[in-house]
Amino acid sequence: MSLSSRMPPSRMPHCRWAVAALSILALVSWLGVTHDVALSTLDDALATAFRSFALAKALNAAISVMQSVTADAMVFQVQFGQALDPANDLVERFSWIMFASTASLAMQKVLIQMASHAVIKALFSLSCLLLAVSLVWGRGVWREWARRAFLLMAFLRFAVLIAALASTWMGDALIGDQREGLYTALDQDRAVFQDVAETQAGIREEDDGVWQQLKDKWESAVGHPVRDLLTRLDSMTENVVALSAVFIVQTILFPLGFLYLSWRLLGTLTAPLAGRYPVARGA
């Protein structure tokens, strides 16, 4: 029985287009171009996340050294261990956020590699074939099962890949400049804190000129040795919070959002297929 004898003329062009689209998808699933582009994009994102993670650890190390300093500012005394403790706790949490962001990107990379395995490709191609056959010859119940199989395999094959690409590209386009600006500001803070920490570490505690040497170093680095250093800490706190939010959005919320949208889109596109074409009848 031919396709034309099993389907009304008004439905034949739609069925042919659907079968052609499924054939193209099955072919595209075996191409490695999208896989290579996604992995390259994730490698760039991972490099950015690793760089920020290293910055967080450097800030944490510098602030930890500075926490041991007690400064006498003539008018009042400031226990820098107390002043720096909240900032150090925040930086530690920032390092955990950066670790989570890095782990999220690494997991996306592993999932893309799994989705590109020959077994997944073969199963997706088979689901395309079954759905195409069911549109032409299958009855309603078989058509629905074929649709569900195609939906599942399409999600496994392409959803993570699309979500990774879309989230990375959108993140770079919308918040990439903000992310780089925040990183630059925090790196400048890190340079000042590390310079002061290295000076403090190199001075013997029994030296009577400890505070004067540290005061001179801070004055050359940040101006007033107490006020300006704490002002820089406040600025650093704001930048850490902002950069944390940027990475949470780009590496966690965006991928999850695009995965959800991919699932809903696949469901929307394939749901009408079960009822769009009349069930084939025997001759």
C-alpha atoms as a PDB file:
ATOM      1  CA  MET A   1       0.000   0.000   0.000  1.00  0.00           C
ATOM      2  CA  SER A   2       1.506   3.338  -1.059  1.00  0.00           C
ATOM      3  CA  LEU A   3       1.661   6.514   0.995  1.00  0.00           C
ATOM      4  CA  SER A   4      -0.787   8.278  -1.360  1.00  0.00           C
ATOM      5  CA  SER A   5      -3.409   5.554  -0.924  1.00  0.00           C
ATOM      6  CA  ARG A   6      -3.152   5.639   2.866  1.00  0.00           C
ATOM      7  CA  MET A   7      -3.335   9.400   3.430  1.00  0.00           C
ATOM      8  CA  PRO A   8      -5.668  12.174   2.183  1.00  0.00           C
ATOM      9  CA  PRO A   9      -4.038  14.477  -0.406  1.00  0.00           C
ATOM     10  CA  SER A  10      -4.330  17.463   1.937  1.00  0.00           C
ATOM     11  CA  ARG A  11      -2.154  15.681   4.520  1.00  0.00           C
ATOM     12  CA  MET A  12       0.514  14.306   2.230  1.00  0.00           C
ATOM     13  CA  PRO A  13       2.730  17.459   2.033  1.00  0.00           C
ATOM     14  CA  HIS A  14       2.734  17.762   5.850  1.00  0.00           C
ATOM     15  CA  CYS A  15       3.703  14.140   6.288  1.00  0.00           C
ATOM     16  CA  ARG A  16       6.470  14.417   3.721  1.00  0.00           C
ATOM     17  CA  TRP A  17       7.854  17.512   5.423  1.00  0.00           C
ATOM     18  CA  ALA A  18       7.783  15.748   8.799  1.00  0.00           C
ATOM     19  CA  VAL A  19       9.561  12.678   7.417  1.00  0.00           C
ATOM     20  CA  ALA A  20      12.145  14.890   5.687  1.00  0.00           C
ATOM     21  CA  ALA A  21      12.764  16.828   8.914  1.00  0.00           C
ATOM     22  CA  LEU A  22      13.226  13.602  10.882  1.00  0.00           C
ATOM     23  CA  SER A  23      15.680  12.332   8.265  1.00  0.00           C
ATOM     24  CA  ILE A  24      17.710  15.542   8.476  1.00  0.00           C
ATOM     25  CA  LEU A  25      17.776  15.355  12.295  1.00  0.00           C
ATOM     26  CA  ALA A  26      18.983  11.764  12.167  1.00  0.00           C
ATOM     27  CA  LEU A  27      21.789  12.825   9.829  1.00  0.00           C
ATOM     28  CA  VAL A  28      22.735  15.901  11.870  1.00  0.00           C
ATOM     29  CA  SER A  29      23.039  13.791  15.010  1.00  0.00           C
ATOM     30  CA  TRP A  30      26.030  11.992  13.468  1.00  0.00           C
ATOM     31  CA  LEU A  31      27.880  15.191  12.559  1.00  0.00           C
ATOM     32  CA  GLY A  32      30.632  16.292  14.967  1.00  0.00           C
ATOM     33  CA  VAL A  33      30.546  20.024  14.233  1.00  0.00           C
ATOM     34  CA  THR A  34      28.054  20.962  16.961  1.00  0.00           C
ATOM     35  CA  HIS A  35      29.858  18.690  19.432  1.00  0.00           C
ATOM     36  CA  ASP A  36      33.224  20.347  18.751  1.00  0.00           C
ATOM     37  CA  VAL A  37      31.756  23.867  18.975  1.00  0.00           C
ATOM     38  CA  ALA A  38      30.068  23.072  22.299  1.00  0.00           C
ATOM     39  CA  LEU A  39      33.219  21.576  23.823  1.00  0.00           C
ATOM     40  CA  SER A  40      35.334  24.525  22.659  1.00  0.00           C
ATOM     41  CA  THR A  41      32.824  26.969  24.133  1.00  0.00           C
ATOM     42  CA  LEU A  42      32.774  25.117  27.447  1.00  0.00           C
ATOM     43  CA  ASP A  43      36.580  25.008  27.528  1.00  0.00           C
ATOM     44  CA  ASP A  44      36.642  28.816  27.281  1.00  0.00           C
ATOM     45  CA  ALA A  45      34.031  29.103  30.026  1.00  0.00           C
ATOM     46  CA  LEU A  46      35.979  26.677  32.216  1.00  0.00           C
ATOM     47  CA  ALA A  47      39.147  28.741  31.754  1.00  0.00           C
ATOM     48  CA  THR A  48      37.269  31.832  32.955  1.00  0.00           C
ATOM     49  CA  ALA A  49      35.833  29.970  35.943  1.00  0.00           C
ATOM     50  CA  PHE A  50      39.221  28.485  36.889  1.00  0.00           C
ATOM     51  CA  ARG A  51      40.772  31.951  36.683  1.00  0.00           C
ATOM     52  CA  SER A  52      38.150  33.368  39.049  1.00  0.00           C
ATOM     53  CA  PHE A  53      38.510  30.376  41.375  1.00  0.00           C
ATOM     54  CA  ALA A  54      42.264  30.990  41.564  1.00  0.00           C
ATOM     55  CA  LEU A  55      41.586  34.663  42.275  1.00  0.00           C
ATOM     56  CA  ALA A  56      39.290  33.716  45.159  1.00  0.00           C
ATOM     57  CA  LYS A  57      41.949  31.482  46.703  1.00  0.00           C
ATOM     58  CA  ALA A  58      44.585  34.239  46.339  1.00  0.00           C
ATOM     59  CA  LEU A  59      42.280  36.761  48.024  1.00  0.00           C
ATOM     60  CA  ASN A  60      41.598  34.301  50.814  1.00  0.00           C
ATOM     61  CA  ALA A  61      45.296  33.684  51.383  1.00  0.00           C
ATOM     62  CA  ALA A  62      46.195  37.378  51.457  1.00  0.00           C
ATOM     63  CA  ILE A  63      43.357  38.310  53.826  1.00  0.00           C
ATOM     64  CA  SER A  64      44.197  35.405  56.134  1.00  0.00           C
ATOM     65  CA  VAL A  65      47.746  36.725  56.555  1.00  0.00           C
ATOM     66  CA  MET A  66      46.477  40.267  57.180  1.00  0.00           C
ATOM     67  CA  GLN A  67      44.113  39.047  59.886  1.00  0.00           C
ATOM     68  CA  SER A  68      47.061  38.687  62.280  1.00  0.00           C
ATOM     69  CA  VAL A  69      47.908  42.393  62.148  1.00  0.00           C
ATOM     70  CA  THR A  70      46.931  44.794  64.928  1.00  0.00           C
ATOM     71  CA  ALA A  71      47.303  48.464  63.937  1.00  0.00           C
ATOM     72  CA  ASP A  72      47.535  51.516  66.161  1.00  0.00           C
ATOM     73  CA  ALA A  73      46.151  54.507  64.243  1.00  0.00           C
ATOM     74  CA  MET A  74      46.999  57.042  67.023  1.00  0.00           C
ATOM     75  CA  VAL A  75      43.354  58.012  67.599  1.00  0.00           C
ATOM     76  CA  PHE A  76      41.930  54.487  67.875  1.00  0.00           C
ATOM     77  CA  GLN A  77      43.054  50.908  67.554  1.00  0.00           C
ATOM     78  CA  VAL A  78      41.789  48.585  64.903  1.00  0.00           C
ATOM     79  CA  GLN A  79      42.009  44.859  65.282  1.00  0.00           C
ATOM     80  CA  PHE A  80      42.343  43.846  61.654  1.00  0.00           C
ATOM     81  CA  GLY A  81      41.621  40.250  62.585  1.00  0.00           C
ATOM     82  CA  GLN A  82      38.091  41.367  63.495  1.00  0.00           C
ATOM     83  CA  ALA A  83      37.696  43.748  60.577  1.00  0.00           C
ATOM     84  CA  LEU A  84      38.896  41.228  58.017  1.00  0.00           C
ATOM     85  CA  ASP A  85      37.085  38.175  59.372  1.00  0.00           C
ATOM     86  CA  PRO A  86      33.716  38.849  57.631  1.00  0.00           C
ATOM     87  CA  ALA A  87      35.512  39.615  54.381  1.00  0.00           C
ATOM     88  CA  ASN A  88      37.526  36.434  54.650  1.00  0.00           C
ATOM     89  CA  ASP A  89      34.380  34.373  55.284  1.00  0.00           C
ATOM     90  CA  LEU A  90      32.758  35.948  52.225  1.00  0.00           C
ATOM     91  CA  VAL A  91      35.765  35.166  50.050  1.00  0.00           C
ATOM     92  CA  GLU A  92      35.711  31.550  51.259  1.00  0.00           C
ATOM     93  CA  ARG A  93      32.074  31.285  50.217  1.00  0.00           C
ATOM     94  CA  PHE A  94      32.951  32.909  46.906  1.00  0.00           C
ATOM     95  CA  SER A  95      35.569  30.224  46.327  1.00  0.00           C
ATOM     96  CA  TRP A  96      32.930  27.556  46.950  1.00  0.00           C
ATOM     97  CA  ILE A  97      30.594  29.241  44.461  1.00  0.00           C
ATOM     98  CA  MET A  98      33.375  29.292  41.903  1.00  0.00           C
ATOM     99  CA  PHE A  99      34.055  25.623  42.600  1.00  0.00           C
ATOM    100  CA  ALA A 100      30.360  24.861  42.041  1.00  0.00           C
ATOM    101  CA  SER A 101      30.377  26.879  38.808  1.00  0.00           C
ATOM    102  CA  THR A 102      33.473  25.044  37.600  1.00  0.00           C
ATOM    103  CA  ALA A 103      31.912  21.701  38.514  1.00  0.00           C
ATOM    104  CA  SER A 104      28.725  22.646  36.657  1.00  0.00           C
ATOM    105  CA  LEU A 105      30.664  23.454  33.493  1.00  0.00           C
ATOM    106  CA  ALA A 106      32.726  20.283  33.803  1.00  0.00           C
ATOM    107  CA  MET A 107      29.540  18.225  34.254  1.00  0.00           C
ATOM    108  CA  GLN A 108      28.025  19.817  31.141  1.00  0.00           C
ATOM    109  CA  LYS A 109      31.149  18.866  29.226  1.00  0.00           C
ATOM    110  CA  VAL A 110      30.907  15.246  30.410  1.00  0.00           C
ATOM    111  CA  LEU A 111      27.199  15.083  29.513  1.00  0.00           C
ATOM    112  CA  ILE A 112      27.903  16.442  26.024  1.00  0.00           C
ATOM    113  CA  GLN A 113      30.560  13.787  25.516  1.00  0.00           C
ATOM    114  CA  MET A 114      28.107  11.126  26.685  1.00  0.00           C
ATOM    115  CA  ALA A 115      25.377  12.474  24.402  1.00  0.00           C
ATOM    116  CA  SER A 116      27.794  12.235  21.468  1.00  0.00           C
ATOM    117  CA  HIS A 117      28.465   8.537  22.026  1.00  0.00           C
ATOM    118  CA  ALA A 118      27.683   6.268  19.086  1.00  0.00           C
ATOM    119  CA  VAL A 119      25.044   4.395  21.100  1.00  0.00           C
ATOM    120  CA  ILE A 120      23.062   7.593  21.788  1.00  0.00           C
ATOM    121  CA  LYS A 121      23.387   8.630  18.147  1.00  0.00           C
ATOM    122  CA  ALA A 122      22.163   5.245  16.948  1.00  0.00           C
ATOM    123  CA  LEU A 123      19.211   5.236  19.355  1.00  0.00           C
ATOM    124  CA  PHE A 124      18.227   8.742  18.308  1.00  0.00           C
ATOM    125  CA  SER A 125      18.400   7.799  14.622  1.00  0.00           C
ATOM    126  CA  LEU A 126      16.261   4.738  15.370  1.00  0.00           C
ATOM    127  CA  SER A 127      13.694   6.890  17.187  1.00  0.00           C
ATOM    128  CA  CYS A 128      13.544   9.196  14.150  1.00  0.00           C
ATOM    129  CA  LEU A 129      12.952   6.188  11.897  1.00  0.00           C
ATOM    130  CA  LEU A 130      10.227   4.766  14.141  1.00  0.00           C
ATOM    131  CA  LEU A 131       8.428   8.099  14.345  1.00  0.00           C
ATOM    132  CA  ALA A 132       8.603   8.561  10.572  1.00  0.00           C
ATOM    133  CA  VAL A 133       7.225   5.077   9.992  1.00  0.00           C
ATOM    134  CA  SER A 134       4.459   5.573  12.541  1.00  0.00           C
ATOM    135  CA  LEU A 135       3.364   8.787  10.823  1.00  0.00           C
ATOM    136  CA  VAL A 136       2.819   6.881   7.602  1.00  0.00           C
ATOM    137  CA  TRP A 137       1.687   3.416   8.658  1.00  0.00           C
ATOM    138  CA  GLY A 138       1.281   3.337  12.407  1.00  0.00           C
ATOM    139  CA  ARG A 139      -1.901   3.406  14.411  1.00  0.00           C
ATOM    140  CA  GLY A 140      -2.602   5.976  17.108  1.00  0.00           C
ATOM    141  CA  VAL A 141      -1.137   4.073  20.056  1.00  0.00           C
ATOM    142  CA  TRP A 142       2.078   3.182  18.202  1.00  0.00           C
ATOM    143  CA  ARG A 143       2.364   6.723  16.949  1.00  0.00           C
ATOM    144  CA  GLU A 144       2.193   8.020  20.508  1.00  0.00           C
ATOM    145  CA  TRP A 145       4.861   5.591  21.731  1.00  0.00           C
ATOM    146  CA  ALA A 146       7.105   6.547  18.809  1.00  0.00           C
ATOM    147  CA  ARG A 147       6.599  10.217  19.636  1.00  0.00           C
ATOM    148  CA  ARG A 148       7.579   9.678  23.262  1.00  0.00           C
ATOM    149  CA  ALA A 149      10.668   7.691  22.283  1.00  0.00           C
ATOM    150  CA  PHE A 150      11.723  10.438  19.887  1.00  0.00           C
ATOM    151  CA  LEU A 151      11.134  13.117  22.536  1.00  0.00           C
ATOM    152  CA  LEU A 152      13.293  11.295  25.063  1.00  0.00           C
ATOM    153  CA  MET A 153      16.146  10.546  22.660  1.00  0.00           C
ATOM    154  CA  ALA A 154      16.121  14.060  21.187  1.00  0.00           C
ATOM    155  CA  PHE A 155      16.400  15.465  24.702  1.00  0.00           C
ATOM    156  CA  LEU A 156      19.310  13.157  25.553  1.00  0.00           C
ATOM    157  CA  ARG A 157      21.075  13.872  22.275  1.00  0.00           C
ATOM    158  CA  PHE A 158      20.718  17.633  21.940  1.00  0.00           C
ATOM    159  CA  ALA A 159      19.310  19.247  25.097  1.00  0.00           C
ATOM    160  CA  VAL A 160      22.537  19.572  27.108  1.00  0.00           C
ATOM    161  CA  LEU A 161      24.470  20.637  24.023  1.00  0.00           C
ATOM    162  CA  ILE A 162      21.962  23.377  23.176  1.00  0.00           C
ATOM    163  CA  ALA A 163      21.670  24.482  26.809  1.00  0.00           C
ATOM    164  CA  ALA A 164      25.459  24.757  27.200  1.00  0.00           C
ATOM    165  CA  LEU A 165      25.878  26.747  24.001  1.00  0.00           C
ATOM    166  CA  ALA A 166      22.899  29.024  24.640  1.00  0.00           C
ATOM    167  CA  SER A 167      23.779  29.763  28.273  1.00  0.00           C
ATOM    168  CA  THR A 168      27.432  30.486  27.491  1.00  0.00           C
ATOM    169  CA  TRP A 169      26.689  32.684  24.484  1.00  0.00           C
ATOM    170  CA  MET A 170      23.894  34.565  26.260  1.00  0.00           C
ATOM    171  CA  GLY A 171      26.030  35.004  29.359  1.00  0.00           C
ATOM    172  CA  ASP A 172      28.911  36.411  27.339  1.00  0.00           C
ATOM    173  CA  ALA A 173      26.572  38.740  25.446  1.00  0.00           C
ATOM    174  CA  LEU A 174      24.585  40.044  28.423  1.00  0.00           C
ATOM    175  CA  ILE A 175      26.984  39.945  31.387  1.00  0.00           C
ATOM    176  CA  GLY A 176      30.390  39.225  29.851  1.00  0.00           C
ATOM    177  CA  ASP A 177      31.603  42.833  30.131  1.00  0.00           C
ATOM    178  CA  GLN A 178      30.318  43.107  33.698  1.00  0.00           C
ATOM    179  CA  ARG A 179      32.067  39.860  34.616  1.00  0.00           C
ATOM    180  CA  GLU A 180      35.406  41.037  33.225  1.00  0.00           C
ATOM    181  CA  GLY A 181      35.099  44.401  34.968  1.00  0.00           C
ATOM    182  CA  LEU A 182      34.394  42.755  38.320  1.00  0.00           C
ATOM    183  CA  TYR A 183      37.298  40.366  37.845  1.00  0.00           C
ATOM    184  CA  THR A 184      39.669  43.249  37.075  1.00  0.00           C
ATOM    185  CA  ALA A 185      38.573  45.172  40.174  1.00  0.00           C
ATOM    186  CA  LEU A 186      39.002  42.118  42.412  1.00  0.00           C
ATOM    187  CA  ASP A 187      42.392  41.381  40.917  1.00  0.00           C
ATOM    188  CA  GLN A 188      43.494  44.910  41.814  1.00  0.00           C
ATOM    189  CA  ASP A 189      42.278  44.348  45.374  1.00  0.00           C
ATOM    190  CA  ARG A 190      44.167  41.072  45.454  1.00  0.00           C
ATOM    191  CA  ALA A 191      47.364  42.811  44.365  1.00  0.00           C
ATOM    192  CA  VAL A 192      47.098  45.391  47.167  1.00  0.00           C
ATOM    193  CA  PHE A 193      46.234  42.835  49.849  1.00  0.00           C
ATOM    194  CA  GLN A 194      48.949  40.462  48.736  1.00  0.00           C
ATOM    195  CA  ASP A 195      51.554  43.233  48.737  1.00  0.00           C
ATOM    196  CA  VAL A 196      50.598  44.235  52.274  1.00  0.00           C
ATOM    197  CA  ALA A 197      50.509  40.602  53.422  1.00  0.00           C
ATOM    198  CA  GLU A 198      53.952  39.896  51.997  1.00  0.00           C
ATOM    199  CA  THR A 199      55.334  42.965  53.765  1.00  0.00           C
ATOM    200  CA  GLN A 200      53.769  41.896  57.065  1.00  0.00           C
ATOM    201  CA  ALA A 201      55.085  38.363  56.704  1.00  0.00           C
ATOM    202  CA  GLY A 202      58.608  39.604  56.077  1.00  0.00           C
ATOM    203  CA  ILE A 203      58.810  41.751  59.188  1.00  0.00           C
ATOM    204  CA  ARG A 204      59.957  40.244  62.464  1.00  0.00           C
ATOM    205  CA  GLU A 205      57.396  40.536  65.257  1.00  0.00           C
ATOM    206  CA  GLU A 206      60.010  41.679  67.758  1.00  0.00           C
ATOM    207  CA  ASP A 207      61.025  44.637  65.631  1.00  0.00           C
ATOM    208  CA  ASP A 208      59.958  47.934  67.258  1.00  0.00           C
ATOM    209  CA  GLY A 209      59.285  49.434  63.811  1.00  0.00           C
ATOM    210  CA  VAL A 210      56.717  46.880  62.721  1.00  0.00           C
ATOM    211  CA  TRP A 211      53.702  49.204  62.678  1.00  0.00           C
ATOM    212  CA  GLN A 212      55.634  52.057  61.094  1.00  0.00           C
ATOM    213  CA  GLN A 213      56.842  49.865  58.245  1.00  0.00           C
ATOM    214  CA  LEU A 214      53.366  48.464  57.687  1.00  0.00           C
ATOM    215  CA  LYS A 215      51.855  51.931  57.935  1.00  0.00           C
ATOM    216  CA  ASP A 216      54.274  53.229  55.309  1.00  0.00           C
ATOM    217  CA  LYS A 217      53.448  50.299  53.020  1.00  0.00           C
ATOM    218  CA  TRP A 218      49.698  50.806  53.382  1.00  0.00           C
ATOM    219  CA  GLU A 219      50.029  54.547  52.878  1.00  0.00           C
ATOM    220  CA  SER A 220      51.846  53.963  49.593  1.00  0.00           C
ATOM    221  CA  ALA A 221      49.361  51.305  48.531  1.00  0.00           C
ATOM    222  CA  VAL A 222      45.978  52.660  49.598  1.00  0.00           C
ATOM    223  CA  GLY A 223      46.504  56.080  51.180  1.00  0.00           C
ATOM    224  CA  HIS A 224      45.243  56.235  54.762  1.00  0.00           C
ATOM    225  CA  PRO A 225      46.382  52.966  56.376  1.00  0.00           C
ATOM    226  CA  VAL A 226      43.062  52.249  58.099  1.00  0.00           C
ATOM    227  CA  ARG A 227      40.221  54.114  56.429  1.00  0.00           C
ATOM    228  CA  ASP A 228      41.189  53.425  52.835  1.00  0.00           C
ATOM    229  CA  LEU A 229      41.974  49.776  53.455  1.00  0.00           C
ATOM    230  CA  LEU A 230      38.544  49.209  54.988  1.00  0.00           C
ATOM    231  CA  THR A 231      36.964  51.147  52.123  1.00  0.00           C
ATOM    232  CA  ARG A 232      38.704  48.824  49.708  1.00  0.00           C
ATOM    233  CA  LEU A 233      37.389  45.867  51.695  1.00  0.00           C
ATOM    234  CA  ASP A 234      33.828  47.215  51.380  1.00  0.00           C
ATOM    235  CA  SER A 235      34.290  47.614  47.628  1.00  0.00           C
ATOM    236  CA  MET A 236      35.749  44.128  47.396  1.00  0.00           C
ATOM    237  CA  THR A 237      32.726  42.733  49.243  1.00  0.00           C
ATOM    238  CA  GLU A 238      30.328  44.299  46.748  1.00  0.00           C
ATOM    239  CA  ASN A 239      32.361  43.007  43.812  1.00  0.00           C
ATOM    240  CA  VAL A 240      32.547  39.485  45.261  1.00  0.00           C
ATOM    241  CA  VAL A 241      28.770  39.369  45.713  1.00  0.00           C
ATOM    242  CA  ALA A 242      28.179  40.703  42.195  1.00  0.00           C
ATOM    243  CA  LEU A 243      30.651  38.293  40.571  1.00  0.00           C
ATOM    244  CA  SER A 244      29.147  35.385  42.509  1.00  0.00           C
ATOM    245  CA  ALA A 245      25.712  36.272  41.146  1.00  0.00           C
ATOM    246  CA  VAL A 246      27.095  36.505  37.605  1.00  0.00           C
ATOM    247  CA  PHE A 247      28.589  33.011  37.728  1.00  0.00           C
ATOM    248  CA  ILE A 248      25.509  31.500  39.394  1.00  0.00           C
ATOM    249  CA  VAL A 249      23.319  32.912  36.630  1.00  0.00           C
ATOM    250  CA  GLN A 250      25.609  31.916  33.748  1.00  0.00           C
ATOM    251  CA  THR A 251      26.754  28.464  34.871  1.00  0.00           C
ATOM    252  CA  ILE A 252      23.751  27.175  36.856  1.00  0.00           C
ATOM    253  CA  LEU A 253      20.505  29.091  36.249  1.00  0.00           C
ATOM    254  CA  PHE A 254      20.951  29.592  32.493  1.00  0.00           C
ATOM    255  CA  PRO A 255      21.732  25.892  31.763  1.00  0.00           C
ATOM    256  CA  LEU A 256      18.827  24.681  33.901  1.00  0.00           C
ATOM    257  CA  GLY A 257      16.501  27.199  32.278  1.00  0.00           C
ATOM    258  CA  PHE A 258      17.521  26.225  28.762  1.00  0.00           C
ATOM    259  CA  LEU A 259      17.189  22.518  29.603  1.00  0.00           C
ATOM    260  CA  TYR A 260      13.630  23.148  30.759  1.00  0.00           C
ATOM    261  CA  LEU A 261      12.833  25.212  27.669  1.00  0.00           C
ATOM    262  CA  SER A 262      14.324  22.498  25.434  1.00  0.00           C
ATOM    263  CA  TRP A 263      12.097  19.859  27.012  1.00  0.00           C
ATOM    264  CA  ARG A 264       8.971  22.007  26.674  1.00  0.00           C
ATOM    265  CA  LEU A 265       9.833  22.952  23.096  1.00  0.00           C
ATOM    266  CA  LEU A 266      10.367  19.330  22.077  1.00  0.00           C
ATOM    267  CA  GLY A 267       7.075  18.395  23.672  1.00  0.00           C
ATOM    268  CA  THR A 268       5.285  21.238  21.895  1.00  0.00           C
ATOM    269  CA  LEU A 269       6.770  20.361  18.511  1.00  0.00           C
ATOM    270  CA  THR A 270       6.092  16.635  18.698  1.00  0.00           C
ATOM    271  CA  ALA A 271       2.733  16.601  20.512  1.00  0.00           C
ATOM    272  CA  PRO A 272       0.664  17.484  17.410  1.00  0.00           C
ATOM    273  CA  LEU A 273       2.284  14.695  15.380  1.00  0.00           C
ATOM    274  CA  ALA A 274       0.204  11.987  17.058  1.00  0.00           C
ATOM    275  CA  GLY A 275      -3.057  13.573  15.982  1.00  0.00           C
ATOM    276  CA  ARG A 276      -2.058  15.551  12.917  1.00  0.00           C
ATOM    277  CA  TYR A 277      -2.308  12.623  10.534  1.00  0.00           C
ATOM    278  CA  PRO A 278      -5.253  10.205  10.393  1.00  0.00           C
ATOM    279  CA  VAL A 279      -4.639   6.632  11.453  1.00  0.00           C
ATOM    280  CA  ALA A 280      -3.811   4.469   8.462  1.00  0.00           C
ATOM    281  CA  ARG A 281      -6.498   1.962   7.516  1.00  0.00           C
ATOM    282  CA  GLY A 282      -6.079  -1.329   5.766  1.00  0.00           C
ATOM    283  CA  ALA A 283      -6.846  -1.598   2.079  1.00  0.00           C
END
